[in-house]
Every structure is written in C-alpha cells, then in structure tokens.
Amino acid sequence: QVTLVESGGGKVQVGGSLRLSCVISGFTFGNYYTGWFRQAPGKEREFVARVSWRGWTYSSDSAAGRFTISRDNAKNTVYLQMNSLKPDDTAVYYCAVSDKLTVATAGYDYWGQGTQVTVSS
C-alpha cells in the first residue's frame, strides 16, 4: 500500500519560511516523480514543483526563485523549502507521486492528506 504523509505546515508571517516534508512508503516503481501541489479555498488544485527520482526539478512560475524542491532517497522523503512567503501562498499543500512526466493533477496516482500553510500579513 502506497502512503504519503506530509508535515511541516503552519502559520507564518509574510516573508517567512517553512519547509514541508513528504514521507513516501510502499511505492515499488523504480522511476517516479514526486510533485507538490496546493489548493487555496475556492480554487483548483495547482502544480507547484516536481522532482524526479534522479533529482531533476521543475517549478511553476509562482514557485521559481522562492521555493526549492529536493529529495532524500535514503529517507524516502521529499521536501519543499518555501521562502519569502506571501499571503497568496496560503493553501493546503499536497505531495503526490506519478510515473509520468506531467504537471497535471490527473497524472498523479497517489496523494497525501495535505498540510495547511497560512501566511498572514
């Protein structure tokens, strides 16, 4: 059984930082991508960043320059370091796993339960 468990969310002021973690277990595919997505109230879930099993990364325009995705294969953990946070970053953040090179939510097969990030001004 594949499980993804996010942690690290919380409340932070504008300009602050948070590091999200996603621990993945039970995934047997050798080559896969882990993505971070977010969903704000009343909005669709959107892609934030992606990392391949080899560590290649890709970020959305909104994340580029502020967010960094990384992975520790030994710990089966993927991180999202978020700096210079803005109120627009307030959302539930989800990690997900896919065997396809995609940014579409429909392309990801396994999802975590999400962690809330709230940025206050």
Protein backbone atom coordinates (compact mmCIF):
# COMPACT_ATOMS: atom_id res chain seq x y z
CA GLN A 1 0.00 0.00 0.00
CA VAL A 2 1.36 3.38 -1.03
CA THR A 3 1.18 6.12 1.57
CA LEU A 4 2.33 9.71 1.52
CA VAL A 5 2.42 11.75 4.70
CA GLU A 6 3.03 15.50 4.61
CA SER A 7 4.18 17.60 7.53
CA GLY A 8 5.69 20.98 8.23
CA GLY A 9 2.77 23.25 7.52
CA GLY A 10 1.73 26.03 9.85
CA LYS A 11 1.18 29.74 10.23
CA VAL A 12 3.87 32.20 9.23
CA GLN A 13 4.09 35.90 8.59
CA VAL A 14 4.74 37.48 5.21
CA GLY A 15 8.35 36.99 4.22
CA GLY A 16 8.79 33.97 6.44
CA SER A 17 9.84 30.45 5.56
CA LEU A 18 8.58 26.91 6.00
CA ARG A 19 9.89 23.52 5.00
CA LEU A 20 7.37 20.87 4.09
CA SER A 21 8.21 17.18 4.19
CA CYS A 22 6.60 14.26 2.43
CA VAL A 23 7.45 10.74 3.54
CA ILE A 24 6.63 8.11 0.93
CA SER A 25 6.21 4.43 1.67
CA GLY A 26 5.08 1.37 -0.19
CA PHE A 27 5.97 2.69 -3.65
CA THR A 28 7.58 -0.04 -5.71
CA PHE A 29 8.20 1.72 -9.02
CA GLY A 30 11.84 2.34 -9.68
CA ASN A 31 11.41 5.55 -11.61
CA TYR A 32 8.88 8.08 -10.43
CA TYR A 33 8.24 11.73 -9.93
CA THR A 34 7.10 13.41 -6.77
CA GLY A 35 5.19 16.62 -7.03
CA TRP A 36 3.95 19.28 -4.67
CA PHE A 37 0.57 20.82 -5.34
CA ARG A 38 -1.54 23.33 -3.47
CA GLN A 39 -5.18 24.23 -3.23
CA ALA A 40 -6.48 27.51 -1.89
CA PRO A 41 -10.11 27.91 -0.78
CA GLY A 42 -12.40 28.17 -3.77
CA LYS A 43 -9.63 27.46 -6.25
CA GLU A 44 -8.50 24.45 -8.20
CA ARG A 45 -5.53 22.41 -7.10
CA GLU A 46 -2.41 23.68 -8.85
CA PHE A 47 1.07 22.38 -9.53
CA VAL A 48 3.92 23.86 -7.50
CA ALA A 49 7.06 21.82 -8.16
CA ARG A 50 8.25 18.39 -9.19
CA VAL A 51 11.37 16.27 -8.63
CA SER A 52 12.39 13.12 -10.47
CA TRP A 53 13.94 10.02 -8.93
CA ARG A 54 17.27 11.36 -10.16
CA GLY A 55 16.76 14.73 -8.52
CA TRP A 56 15.85 16.74 -11.60
CA THR A 57 13.49 19.52 -10.63
CA TYR A 58 10.89 21.72 -12.26
CA SER A 59 8.90 24.52 -10.64
CA SER A 60 5.90 26.63 -11.53
CA ASP A 61 6.38 30.30 -12.26
CA SER A 62 4.85 31.19 -8.90
CA ALA A 63 7.36 28.99 -7.08
CA ALA A 64 10.50 29.67 -9.07
CA GLY A 65 13.06 31.63 -7.12
CA ARG A 66 11.26 31.22 -3.80
CA PHE A 67 10.52 27.50 -3.40
CA THR A 68 13.01 24.66 -3.68
CA ILE A 69 12.06 21.02 -4.04
CA SER A 70 14.50 18.30 -3.08
CA ARG A 71 14.55 14.66 -2.16
CA ASP A 72 16.43 12.31 0.15
CA ASN A 73 16.14 8.85 -1.36
CA ALA A 74 17.64 7.20 1.70
CA LYS A 75 14.79 8.59 3.79
CA ASN A 76 12.11 8.26 1.09
CA THR A 77 11.34 11.89 1.75
CA VAL A 78 10.72 14.86 -0.50
CA TYR A 79 10.99 18.41 0.79
CA LEU A 80 9.61 21.77 -0.26
CA GLN A 81 11.56 24.68 1.14
CA MET A 82 9.43 27.80 0.89
CA ASN A 83 10.97 31.22 1.38
CA SER A 84 9.66 34.77 1.04
CA LEU A 85 6.14 33.57 1.64
CA LYS A 86 3.21 35.72 0.54
CA PRO A 87 -0.47 35.70 1.54
CA ASP A 88 -1.25 34.20 -1.90
CA ASP A 89 0.74 31.13 -0.85
CA THR A 90 -1.92 30.28 1.72
CA ALA A 91 -3.30 26.87 0.79
CA VAL A 92 -3.36 23.21 1.63
CA TYR A 93 -0.19 21.68 0.22
CA TYR A 94 -0.21 18.13 -1.08
CA CYS A 95 2.51 15.80 -2.26
CA ALA A 96 1.80 13.23 -4.91
CA VAL A 97 3.56 10.53 -6.90
CA SER A 98 3.43 9.72 -10.60
CA ASP A 99 5.26 7.53 -13.07
CA LYS A 100 4.63 10.12 -15.76
CA LEU A 101 6.41 13.36 -16.56
CA THR A 102 3.49 15.72 -16.02
CA VAL A 103 2.29 18.75 -14.05
CA ALA A 104 -1.38 17.77 -14.34
CA THR A 105 -3.11 16.69 -11.15
CA ALA A 106 -4.84 13.92 -13.10
CA GLY A 107 -1.46 12.45 -13.90
CA TYR A 108 -0.60 11.72 -10.28
CA ASP A 109 -1.81 8.44 -8.87
CA TYR A 110 -1.10 8.69 -5.17
CA TRP A 111 -1.71 11.63 -2.86
CA GLY A 112 -1.07 12.60 0.71
CA GLN A 113 -3.66 14.09 3.03
CA GLY A 114 -2.27 17.62 2.79
CA THR A 115 -0.81 20.13 5.21
CA GLN A 116 -2.14 23.64 5.77
CA VAL A 117 0.07 26.64 5.15
CA THR A 118 -1.23 30.03 6.23
CA VAL A 119 0.66 33.25 5.51
CA SER A 120 -0.56 36.31 7.36
CA SER A 121 0.23 39.95 6.65
